[in-house]
Amino acid sequence: MEFKHLLYKTEGRIATITLNRPERFNAICLGMPVEIREAVEKANLDDTIHVIILQAAGKGFCGGYDLVEFAEQGLNQGTTDGKSETLWDPMVDFQMMYQNTKDFMSLWNSYKPTIARVHGDAVAGGSDIALCCDLVIMSDTARIGYPPARVWGCPTTAMWVYRLGAEKAKRMLLTGDLISGVEAEKIDLILESTPAEKLDERVMFWAERMQGVPRNQLMMQKLMINQAFENMGMQNTQMFATLFDGVTRHSPEGAWFKNRAQEAGFKQAVNERDSGAPIAEGVSKSTYRF
């Protein structure tokens, strides 16, 4: 099996999957989610492998979806008002994004433990990928968060809720803040934060600690723990989150953000969105019912 957007290698009982689009900050493109799932499946089918490490090439872990590529592809970028040539079909949007959600969740559902090694930033969809792993190890200076929660996004995996609980998940998703590895460990979002120069050492410590455990034991412990979350309605939550993600991109404020990015550039639109000032001041108040 050959991969276009990933690197896959094994050494002893450990398989390593590397996101490999460093020139685009490992942004999620068409084909990357399914390759993640296929790489996880490959490791699960290999009886010599006991542990999977997920890491990334280049300066950071993942900057989220490659919005440039998706915009250029024109994927389901229609509107709801009938004024564009292509109307937005929420079910087409849902089908695509929910498949991506299931592909990311292959890391969570893997019969073998998965460890995310996070350096640089894990932002938006990149945080979805990292938080689907069983254990997350970050460098102290790395950052994680979901800024599109302010406008133009909803985390489809909903892993913030299951890792943090209601109050701390709200703290993250009602602000869209990015936090450092140090703070992420402090609020129990991740297992461990470590100085950058010790990141590989700490990731390997946990991988080597688990690799000696029989595969059937690892599988049983994961299935038992995951079942507890499934009983909480994880799949239903992810279905709603994925639907809401599509709505956020086609709400009045979502349309404002898209237009602002086209007018002033994506970076400027993001700066305005994340500044703390009221968002979408130009949206007509007649849009609202409250």
C-alpha atoms as a PDB file:
ATOM      1  CA  MET A   1       0.000   0.000   0.000  1.00  0.00           C
ATOM      2  CA  GLU A   2       1.421   3.355  -1.057  1.00  0.00           C
ATOM      3  CA  PHE A   3       0.318   6.693   0.380  1.00  0.00           C
ATOM      4  CA  LYS A   4       0.306  10.102  -1.258  1.00  0.00           C
ATOM      5  CA  HIS A   5      -0.121  12.296   1.800  1.00  0.00           C
ATOM      6  CA  LEU A   6       1.416  10.112   4.525  1.00  0.00           C
ATOM      7  CA  LEU A   7       4.543   8.178   5.351  1.00  0.00           C
ATOM      8  CA  TYR A   8       4.242   4.772   6.987  1.00  0.00           C
ATOM      9  CA  LYS A   9       7.007   2.774   8.604  1.00  0.00           C
ATOM     10  CA  THR A  10       7.425   0.064  11.200  1.00  0.00           C
ATOM     11  CA  GLU A  11      10.190  -0.695  13.618  1.00  0.00           C
ATOM     12  CA  GLY A  12       9.826  -3.661  15.910  1.00  0.00           C
ATOM     13  CA  ARG A  13       6.348  -3.549  17.450  1.00  0.00           C
ATOM     14  CA  ILE A  14       5.742   0.140  16.653  1.00  0.00           C
ATOM     15  CA  ALA A  15       4.162   1.578  13.491  1.00  0.00           C
ATOM     16  CA  THR A  16       4.655   5.285  12.761  1.00  0.00           C
ATOM     17  CA  ILE A  17       2.268   7.283  10.581  1.00  0.00           C
ATOM     18  CA  THR A  18       3.570  10.691   9.478  1.00  0.00           C
ATOM     19  CA  LEU A  19       1.375  13.403   7.981  1.00  0.00           C
ATOM     20  CA  ASN A  20       3.503  14.484   5.044  1.00  0.00           C
ATOM     21  CA  ARG A  21       2.403  17.769   3.512  1.00  0.00           C
ATOM     22  CA  PRO A  22       4.948  20.051   5.205  1.00  0.00           C
ATOM     23  CA  GLU A  23       4.754  22.642   2.426  1.00  0.00           C
ATOM     24  CA  ARG A  24       1.077  23.168   3.396  1.00  0.00           C
ATOM     25  CA  PHE A  25       1.567  22.777   7.164  1.00  0.00           C
ATOM     26  CA  ASN A  26       0.123  19.258   6.750  1.00  0.00           C
ATOM     27  CA  ALA A  27      -3.281  20.763   5.973  1.00  0.00           C
ATOM     28  CA  ILE A  28      -6.071  18.243   5.435  1.00  0.00           C
ATOM     29  CA  CYS A  29      -6.692  17.724   1.737  1.00  0.00           C
ATOM     30  CA  LEU A  30      -8.855  15.383  -0.295  1.00  0.00           C
ATOM     31  CA  GLY A  31      -7.551  11.879   0.267  1.00  0.00           C
ATOM     32  CA  MET A  32      -5.724  12.492   3.553  1.00  0.00           C
ATOM     33  CA  PRO A  33      -8.513  11.350   5.936  1.00  0.00           C
ATOM     34  CA  VAL A  34      -9.026   8.058   4.103  1.00  0.00           C
ATOM     35  CA  GLU A  35      -5.254   7.486   4.005  1.00  0.00           C
ATOM     36  CA  ILE A  36      -5.125   7.919   7.781  1.00  0.00           C
ATOM     37  CA  ARG A  37      -7.794   5.242   8.118  1.00  0.00           C
ATOM     38  CA  GLU A  38      -6.033   2.944   5.668  1.00  0.00           C
ATOM     39  CA  ALA A  39      -2.726   3.337   7.510  1.00  0.00           C
ATOM     40  CA  VAL A  40      -4.397   2.535  10.841  1.00  0.00           C
ATOM     41  CA  GLU A  41      -6.060  -0.503   9.272  1.00  0.00           C
ATOM     42  CA  LYS A  42      -2.716  -1.625   7.885  1.00  0.00           C
ATOM     43  CA  ALA A  43      -1.165  -1.462  11.354  1.00  0.00           C
ATOM     44  CA  ASN A  44      -4.126  -3.285  12.873  1.00  0.00           C
ATOM     45  CA  LEU A  45      -3.791  -6.112  10.340  1.00  0.00           C
ATOM     46  CA  ASP A  46      -0.075  -6.494  11.085  1.00  0.00           C
ATOM     47  CA  ASP A  47       0.308  -9.004  13.923  1.00  0.00           C
ATOM     48  CA  THR A  48       3.803  -7.722  14.656  1.00  0.00           C
ATOM     49  CA  ILE A  49       2.528  -4.234  15.558  1.00  0.00           C
ATOM     50  CA  HIS A  50       1.359  -3.389  19.069  1.00  0.00           C
ATOM     51  CA  VAL A  51       1.427   0.446  19.121  1.00  0.00           C
ATOM     52  CA  ILE A  52       0.815   3.223  16.550  1.00  0.00           C
ATOM     53  CA  ILE A  53       2.469   6.658  16.685  1.00  0.00           C
ATOM     54  CA  LEU A  54       0.945   9.513  14.689  1.00  0.00           C
ATOM     55  CA  GLN A  55       3.256  12.444  13.978  1.00  0.00           C
ATOM     56  CA  ALA A  56       3.806  15.097  11.311  1.00  0.00           C
ATOM     57  CA  ALA A  57       6.603  16.354   9.082  1.00  0.00           C
ATOM     58  CA  GLY A  58       7.804  19.945   8.966  1.00  0.00           C
ATOM     59  CA  LYS A  59       7.226  22.831  11.358  1.00  0.00           C
ATOM     60  CA  GLY A  60       3.929  21.758  12.879  1.00  0.00           C
ATOM     61  CA  PHE A  61       1.378  19.008  13.311  1.00  0.00           C
ATOM     62  CA  CYS A  62      -1.593  20.168  11.199  1.00  0.00           C
ATOM     63  CA  GLY A  63      -3.139  23.530  10.379  1.00  0.00           C
ATOM     64  CA  GLY A  64      -6.627  22.168   9.733  1.00  0.00           C
ATOM     65  CA  TYR A  65      -8.378  21.830   6.392  1.00  0.00           C
ATOM     66  CA  ASP A  66      -6.600  23.094   3.294  1.00  0.00           C
ATOM     67  CA  LEU A  67      -9.118  25.840   2.619  1.00  0.00           C
ATOM     68  CA  VAL A  68      -7.237  26.988  -0.462  1.00  0.00           C
ATOM     69  CA  GLU A  69      -7.619  23.570  -2.083  1.00  0.00           C
ATOM     70  CA  PHE A  70     -11.248  23.175  -1.083  1.00  0.00           C
ATOM     71  CA  ALA A  71     -12.077  26.653  -2.358  1.00  0.00           C
ATOM     72  CA  GLU A  72     -10.325  25.937  -5.652  1.00  0.00           C
ATOM     73  CA  GLN A  73     -12.184  22.649  -6.008  1.00  0.00           C
ATOM     74  CA  GLY A  74     -15.464  24.474  -5.363  1.00  0.00           C
ATOM     75  CA  LEU A  75     -16.655  21.638  -3.148  1.00  0.00           C
ATOM     76  CA  ASN A  76     -20.235  22.261  -2.070  1.00  0.00           C
ATOM     77  CA  GLN A  77     -19.580  25.990  -1.703  1.00  0.00           C
ATOM     78  CA  GLY A  78     -23.046  27.022  -2.813  1.00  0.00           C
ATOM     79  CA  THR A  79     -25.402  29.281  -0.895  1.00  0.00           C
ATOM     80  CA  THR A  80     -28.832  28.810   0.618  1.00  0.00           C
ATOM     81  CA  ASP A  81     -30.419  31.858  -1.007  1.00  0.00           C
ATOM     82  CA  GLY A  82     -30.636  30.618  -4.594  1.00  0.00           C
ATOM     83  CA  LYS A  83     -28.446  33.452  -5.880  1.00  0.00           C
ATOM     84  CA  SER A  84     -25.478  31.293  -6.837  1.00  0.00           C
ATOM     85  CA  GLU A  85     -25.214  28.776  -9.607  1.00  0.00           C
ATOM     86  CA  THR A  86     -24.784  25.983  -7.094  1.00  0.00           C
ATOM     87  CA  LEU A  87     -27.087  25.643  -4.101  1.00  0.00           C
ATOM     88  CA  TRP A  88     -25.639  24.245  -0.896  1.00  0.00           C
ATOM     89  CA  ASP A  89     -26.854  20.726  -0.288  1.00  0.00           C
ATOM     90  CA  PRO A  90     -26.500  20.052   3.462  1.00  0.00           C
ATOM     91  CA  MET A  91     -26.650  16.290   2.974  1.00  0.00           C
ATOM     92  CA  VAL A  92     -23.850  16.293   0.399  1.00  0.00           C
ATOM     93  CA  ASP A  93     -21.841  18.400   2.845  1.00  0.00           C
ATOM     94  CA  PHE A  94     -22.698  16.032   5.700  1.00  0.00           C
ATOM     95  CA  GLN A  95     -21.818  12.918   3.717  1.00  0.00           C
ATOM     96  CA  MET A  96     -18.343  14.216   2.919  1.00  0.00           C
ATOM     97  CA  MET A  97     -17.563  15.598   6.368  1.00  0.00           C
ATOM     98  CA  TYR A  98     -19.030  12.658   8.269  1.00  0.00           C
ATOM     99  CA  GLN A  99     -16.855  10.290   6.257  1.00  0.00           C
ATOM    100  CA  ASN A 100     -13.843  12.385   7.276  1.00  0.00           C
ATOM    101  CA  THR A 101     -15.000  12.190  10.899  1.00  0.00           C
ATOM    102  CA  LYS A 102     -15.196   8.398  10.696  1.00  0.00           C
ATOM    103  CA  ASP A 103     -11.756   8.269   9.063  1.00  0.00           C
ATOM    104  CA  PHE A 104     -10.241  10.371  11.889  1.00  0.00           C
ATOM    105  CA  MET A 105     -12.016   8.187  14.450  1.00  0.00           C
ATOM    106  CA  SER A 106     -10.152   5.156  13.119  1.00  0.00           C
ATOM    107  CA  LEU A 107      -7.397   6.326  15.479  1.00  0.00           C
ATOM    108  CA  TRP A 108      -9.803   6.127  18.422  1.00  0.00           C
ATOM    109  CA  ASN A 109     -11.358   2.843  17.268  1.00  0.00           C
ATOM    110  CA  SER A 110      -8.032   1.210  16.453  1.00  0.00           C
ATOM    111  CA  TYR A 111      -7.588  -2.075  18.283  1.00  0.00           C
ATOM    112  CA  LYS A 112      -4.023  -0.972  19.015  1.00  0.00           C
ATOM    113  CA  PRO A 113      -3.083   2.071  21.106  1.00  0.00           C
ATOM    114  CA  THR A 114      -2.490   5.311  19.213  1.00  0.00           C
ATOM    115  CA  ILE A 115      -0.188   8.102  20.395  1.00  0.00           C
ATOM    116  CA  ALA A 116      -0.186  11.599  18.881  1.00  0.00           C
ATOM    117  CA  ARG A 117       3.180  13.370  18.854  1.00  0.00           C
ATOM    118  CA  VAL A 118       2.320  17.072  18.528  1.00  0.00           C
ATOM    119  CA  HIS A 119       4.881  19.742  17.722  1.00  0.00           C
ATOM    120  CA  GLY A 120       4.063  23.188  16.375  1.00  0.00           C
ATOM    121  CA  ASP A 121       0.311  23.720  16.070  1.00  0.00           C
ATOM    122  CA  ALA A 122      -2.631  21.312  15.930  1.00  0.00           C
ATOM    123  CA  VAL A 123      -5.371  23.683  14.827  1.00  0.00           C
ATOM    124  CA  ALA A 124      -9.026  23.209  13.856  1.00  0.00           C
ATOM    125  CA  GLY A 125      -9.273  19.910  11.934  1.00  0.00           C
ATOM    126  CA  GLY A 126      -5.708  19.203  13.024  1.00  0.00           C
ATOM    127  CA  SER A 127      -6.872  19.190  16.636  1.00  0.00           C
ATOM    128  CA  ASP A 128      -9.627  16.738  15.637  1.00  0.00           C
ATOM    129  CA  ILE A 129      -6.976  14.344  14.345  1.00  0.00           C
ATOM    130  CA  ALA A 130      -4.724  14.647  17.398  1.00  0.00           C
ATOM    131  CA  LEU A 131      -7.548  14.300  19.925  1.00  0.00           C
ATOM    132  CA  CYS A 132      -8.804  11.103  18.276  1.00  0.00           C
ATOM    133  CA  CYS A 133      -5.622   9.383  19.441  1.00  0.00           C
ATOM    134  CA  ASP A 134      -5.623   7.537  22.756  1.00  0.00           C
ATOM    135  CA  LEU A 135      -2.706   9.520  24.175  1.00  0.00           C
ATOM    136  CA  VAL A 136      -1.508  12.978  23.163  1.00  0.00           C
ATOM    137  CA  ILE A 137       2.035  14.155  23.928  1.00  0.00           C
ATOM    138  CA  MET A 138       2.785  17.790  23.076  1.00  0.00           C
ATOM    139  CA  SER A 139       5.848  19.970  23.231  1.00  0.00           C
ATOM    140  CA  ASP A 140       5.512  22.811  25.727  1.00  0.00           C
ATOM    141  CA  THR A 141       5.470  25.443  22.991  1.00  0.00           C
ATOM    142  CA  ALA A 142       3.073  23.613  20.656  1.00  0.00           C
ATOM    143  CA  ARG A 143      -0.474  24.965  20.477  1.00  0.00           C
ATOM    144  CA  ILE A 144      -3.848  23.307  20.134  1.00  0.00           C
ATOM    145  CA  GLY A 145      -7.317  24.724  19.671  1.00  0.00           C
ATOM    146  CA  TYR A 146     -10.325  25.174  17.417  1.00  0.00           C
ATOM    147  CA  PRO A 147     -10.468  28.862  16.329  1.00  0.00           C
ATOM    148  CA  PRO A 148     -13.247  28.213  13.738  1.00  0.00           C
ATOM    149  CA  ALA A 149     -15.569  27.671  16.711  1.00  0.00           C
ATOM    150  CA  ARG A 150     -15.830  31.489  16.643  1.00  0.00           C
ATOM    151  CA  VAL A 151     -17.108  31.474  13.050  1.00  0.00           C
ATOM    152  CA  TRP A 152     -17.070  28.891  10.259  1.00  0.00           C
ATOM    153  CA  GLY A 153     -16.680  25.617  12.076  1.00  0.00           C
ATOM    154  CA  CYS A 154     -17.760  23.050  14.670  1.00  0.00           C
ATOM    155  CA  PRO A 155     -15.396  20.212  15.677  1.00  0.00           C
ATOM    156  CA  THR A 156     -17.000  17.204  14.030  1.00  0.00           C
ATOM    157  CA  THR A 157     -15.395  14.590  16.288  1.00  0.00           C
ATOM    158  CA  ALA A 158     -16.574  16.403  19.464  1.00  0.00           C
ATOM    159  CA  MET A 159     -13.545  14.989  21.271  1.00  0.00           C
ATOM    160  CA  TRP A 160     -13.191  18.211  23.277  1.00  0.00           C
ATOM    161  CA  VAL A 161     -16.332  17.227  25.188  1.00  0.00           C
ATOM    162  CA  TYR A 162     -15.215  13.693  25.922  1.00  0.00           C
ATOM    163  CA  ARG A 163     -11.707  14.694  26.972  1.00  0.00           C
ATOM    164  CA  LEU A 164     -12.556  17.779  29.014  1.00  0.00           C
ATOM    165  CA  GLY A 165     -16.141  17.561  30.229  1.00  0.00           C
ATOM    166  CA  ALA A 166     -18.765  20.245  29.703  1.00  0.00           C
ATOM    167  CA  GLU A 167     -17.308  23.318  31.403  1.00  0.00           C
ATOM    168  CA  LYS A 168     -13.765  23.129  30.050  1.00  0.00           C
ATOM    169  CA  ALA A 169     -15.022  22.152  26.590  1.00  0.00           C
ATOM    170  CA  LYS A 170     -17.180  25.270  26.652  1.00  0.00           C
ATOM    171  CA  ARG A 171     -14.178  27.314  27.774  1.00  0.00           C
ATOM    172  CA  MET A 172     -12.344  26.181  24.633  1.00  0.00           C
ATOM    173  CA  LEU A 173     -15.158  26.215  22.069  1.00  0.00           C
ATOM    174  CA  LEU A 174     -16.923  29.392  23.190  1.00  0.00           C
ATOM    175  CA  THR A 175     -13.654  31.301  22.817  1.00  0.00           C
ATOM    176  CA  GLY A 176     -11.842  29.459  20.021  1.00  0.00           C
ATOM    177  CA  ASP A 177      -8.610  30.007  21.948  1.00  0.00           C
ATOM    178  CA  LEU A 178      -5.328  28.303  21.174  1.00  0.00           C
ATOM    179  CA  ILE A 179      -3.525  26.988  24.242  1.00  0.00           C
ATOM    180  CA  SER A 180       0.016  25.739  24.754  1.00  0.00           C
ATOM    181  CA  GLY A 181       1.008  22.187  25.536  1.00  0.00           C
ATOM    182  CA  VAL A 182       1.635  23.285  29.122  1.00  0.00           C
ATOM    183  CA  GLU A 183      -1.926  24.567  29.556  1.00  0.00           C
ATOM    184  CA  ALA A 184      -3.370  21.592  27.664  1.00  0.00           C
ATOM    185  CA  GLU A 185      -1.780  19.263  30.220  1.00  0.00           C
ATOM    186  CA  LYS A 186      -2.944  21.481  33.080  1.00  0.00           C
ATOM    187  CA  ILE A 187      -6.608  21.184  32.052  1.00  0.00           C
ATOM    188  CA  ASP A 188      -6.232  17.447  31.339  1.00  0.00           C
ATOM    189  CA  LEU A 189      -6.799  17.744  27.596  1.00  0.00           C
ATOM    190  CA  ILE A 190      -3.609  15.781  26.915  1.00  0.00           C
ATOM    191  CA  LEU A 191      -1.521  13.267  28.789  1.00  0.00           C
ATOM    192  CA  GLU A 192       1.755  15.153  28.862  1.00  0.00           C
ATOM    193  CA  SER A 193       3.586  18.313  27.798  1.00  0.00           C
ATOM    194  CA  THR A 194       7.353  18.265  27.537  1.00  0.00           C
ATOM    195  CA  PRO A 195      10.218  20.456  26.347  1.00  0.00           C
ATOM    196  CA  ALA A 196      10.601  20.160  22.563  1.00  0.00           C
ATOM    197  CA  GLU A 197      14.005  18.500  22.822  1.00  0.00           C
ATOM    198  CA  LYS A 198      12.476  15.679  24.906  1.00  0.00           C
ATOM    199  CA  LEU A 199       9.341  15.138  22.812  1.00  0.00           C
ATOM    200  CA  ASP A 200      10.619  12.079  20.939  1.00  0.00           C
ATOM    201  CA  GLU A 201      11.973  10.593  24.148  1.00  0.00           C
ATOM    202  CA  ARG A 202       8.633  10.910  25.949  1.00  0.00           C
ATOM    203  CA  VAL A 203       6.610   9.565  23.017  1.00  0.00           C
ATOM    204  CA  MET A 204       8.886   6.548  22.782  1.00  0.00           C
ATOM    205  CA  PHE A 205       8.719   6.047  26.555  1.00  0.00           C
ATOM    206  CA  TRP A 206       4.959   5.470  26.361  1.00  0.00           C
ATOM    207  CA  ALA A 207       5.122   3.483  23.127  1.00  0.00           C
ATOM    208  CA  GLU A 208       7.783   1.174  24.534  1.00  0.00           C
ATOM    209  CA  ARG A 209       5.891   0.852  27.801  1.00  0.00           C
ATOM    210  CA  MET A 210       2.832  -0.497  25.947  1.00  0.00           C
ATOM    211  CA  GLN A 211       4.517  -2.508  23.207  1.00  0.00           C
ATOM    212  CA  GLY A 212       5.324  -5.359  25.586  1.00  0.00           C
ATOM    213  CA  VAL A 213       1.667  -5.899  26.444  1.00  0.00           C
ATOM    214  CA  PRO A 214      -0.053  -8.712  24.483  1.00  0.00           C
ATOM    215  CA  ARG A 215      -2.189  -7.456  21.610  1.00  0.00           C
ATOM    216  CA  ASN A 216      -5.320  -9.104  22.991  1.00  0.00           C
ATOM    217  CA  GLN A 217      -4.895  -7.296  26.326  1.00  0.00           C
ATOM    218  CA  LEU A 218      -4.443  -3.943  24.603  1.00  0.00           C
ATOM    219  CA  MET A 219      -7.521  -4.615  22.485  1.00  0.00           C
ATOM    220  CA  MET A 220      -9.725  -5.610  25.414  1.00  0.00           C
ATOM    221  CA  GLN A 221      -8.784  -2.567  27.510  1.00  0.00           C
ATOM    222  CA  LYS A 222      -9.457  -0.186  24.589  1.00  0.00           C
ATOM    223  CA  LEU A 223     -12.794  -1.798  23.705  1.00  0.00           C
ATOM    224  CA  MET A 224     -13.924  -1.596  27.331  1.00  0.00           C
ATOM    225  CA  ILE A 225     -12.978   2.078  27.729  1.00  0.00           C
ATOM    226  CA  ASN A 226     -14.357   3.108  24.332  1.00  0.00           C
ATOM    227  CA  GLN A 227     -17.633   1.339  25.013  1.00  0.00           C
ATOM    228  CA  ALA A 228     -18.203   3.591  28.017  1.00  0.00           C
ATOM    229  CA  PHE A 229     -18.010   6.651  25.741  1.00  0.00           C
ATOM    230  CA  GLU A 230     -20.204   5.050  23.106  1.00  0.00           C
ATOM    231  CA  ASN A 231     -22.825   4.494  25.794  1.00  0.00           C
ATOM    232  CA  MET A 232     -22.768   8.269  26.361  1.00  0.00           C
ATOM    233  CA  GLY A 233     -23.980   8.772  22.792  1.00  0.00           C
ATOM    234  CA  MET A 234     -20.690   9.651  21.117  1.00  0.00           C
ATOM    235  CA  GLN A 235     -21.886   8.698  17.631  1.00  0.00           C
ATOM    236  CA  ASN A 236     -25.047  10.819  17.910  1.00  0.00           C
ATOM    237  CA  THR A 237     -23.012  13.754  19.192  1.00  0.00           C
ATOM    238  CA  GLN A 238     -20.648  13.476  16.239  1.00  0.00           C
ATOM    239  CA  MET A 239     -23.564  13.331  13.820  1.00  0.00           C
ATOM    240  CA  PHE A 240     -24.991  16.604  15.187  1.00  0.00           C
ATOM    241  CA  ALA A 241     -21.542  18.214  15.312  1.00  0.00           C
ATOM    242  CA  THR A 242     -20.933  17.349  11.661  1.00  0.00           C
ATOM    243  CA  LEU A 243     -24.317  18.759  10.635  1.00  0.00           C
ATOM    244  CA  PHE A 244     -23.656  21.935  12.632  1.00  0.00           C
ATOM    245  CA  ASP A 245     -20.233  22.268  11.003  1.00  0.00           C
ATOM    246  CA  GLY A 246     -21.925  22.564   7.627  1.00  0.00           C
ATOM    247  CA  VAL A 247     -24.418  25.093   8.993  1.00  0.00           C
ATOM    248  CA  THR A 248     -21.649  27.284  10.431  1.00  0.00           C
ATOM    249  CA  ARG A 249     -20.130  27.620   6.975  1.00  0.00           C
ATOM    250  CA  HIS A 250     -23.447  28.733   5.487  1.00  0.00           C
ATOM    251  CA  SER A 251     -24.890  30.918   8.249  1.00  0.00           C
ATOM    252  CA  PRO A 252     -25.051  34.712   7.738  1.00  0.00           C
ATOM    253  CA  GLU A 253     -21.829  35.066   9.719  1.00  0.00           C
ATOM    254  CA  GLY A 254     -20.275  32.205   7.799  1.00  0.00           C
ATOM    255  CA  ALA A 255     -21.110  33.962   4.544  1.00  0.00           C
ATOM    256  CA  TRP A 256     -19.598  37.163   5.947  1.00  0.00           C
ATOM    257  CA  PHE A 257     -16.384  35.334   6.840  1.00  0.00           C
ATOM    258  CA  LYS A 258     -16.120  33.769   3.382  1.00  0.00           C
ATOM    259  CA  ASN A 259     -16.734  37.109   1.657  1.00  0.00           C
ATOM    260  CA  ARG A 260     -14.307  38.894   3.967  1.00  0.00           C
ATOM    261  CA  ALA A 261     -11.620  36.325   3.170  1.00  0.00           C
ATOM    262  CA  GLN A 262     -12.176  36.929  -0.529  1.00  0.00           C
ATOM    263  CA  GLU A 263     -12.037  40.708  -0.091  1.00  0.00           C
ATOM    264  CA  ALA A 264      -9.178  41.116   2.388  1.00  0.00           C
ATOM    265  CA  GLY A 265      -7.439  37.753   2.289  1.00  0.00           C
ATOM    266  CA  PHE A 266      -7.890  34.732   4.522  1.00  0.00           C
ATOM    267  CA  LYS A 267      -5.240  35.817   7.037  1.00  0.00           C
ATOM    268  CA  GLN A 268      -6.916  39.192   7.574  1.00  0.00           C
ATOM    269  CA  ALA A 269     -10.341  37.572   7.941  1.00  0.00           C
ATOM    270  CA  VAL A 270      -8.931  35.199  10.561  1.00  0.00           C
ATOM    271  CA  ASN A 271      -7.279  38.080  12.427  1.00  0.00           C
ATOM    272  CA  GLU A 272     -10.593  39.931  12.557  1.00  0.00           C
ATOM    273  CA  ARG A 273     -12.482  36.804  13.609  1.00  0.00           C
ATOM    274  CA  ASP A 274     -10.055  36.038  16.427  1.00  0.00           C
ATOM    275  CA  SER A 275      -9.460  39.621  17.622  1.00  0.00           C
ATOM    276  CA  GLY A 276     -12.186  39.568  20.271  1.00  0.00           C
ATOM    277  CA  ALA A 277     -14.148  42.345  18.587  1.00  0.00           C
ATOM    278  CA  PRO A 278     -17.809  41.667  17.665  1.00  0.00           C
ATOM    279  CA  ILE A 279     -17.960  39.365  14.661  1.00  0.00           C
ATOM    280  CA  ALA A 280     -19.782  40.121  11.406  1.00  0.00           C
ATOM    281  CA  GLU A 281     -20.821  43.675  12.246  1.00  0.00           C
ATOM    282  CA  GLY A 282     -21.912  44.090   8.631  1.00  0.00           C
ATOM    283  CA  VAL A 283     -24.498  41.301   8.767  1.00  0.00           C
ATOM    284  CA  SER A 284     -28.023  42.716   8.634  1.00  0.00           C
ATOM    285  CA  LYS A 285     -29.815  42.589  11.945  1.00  0.00           C
ATOM    286  CA  SER A 286     -32.977  41.675  10.066  1.00  0.00           C
ATOM    287  CA  THR A 287     -31.403  38.223   9.769  1.00  0.00           C
ATOM    288  CA  TYR A 288     -31.878  37.581  13.474  1.00  0.00           C
ATOM    289  CA  ARG A 289     -34.939  36.619  15.431  1.00  0.00           C
ATOM    290  CA  PHE A 290     -33.470  37.393  18.851  1.00  0.00           C
END
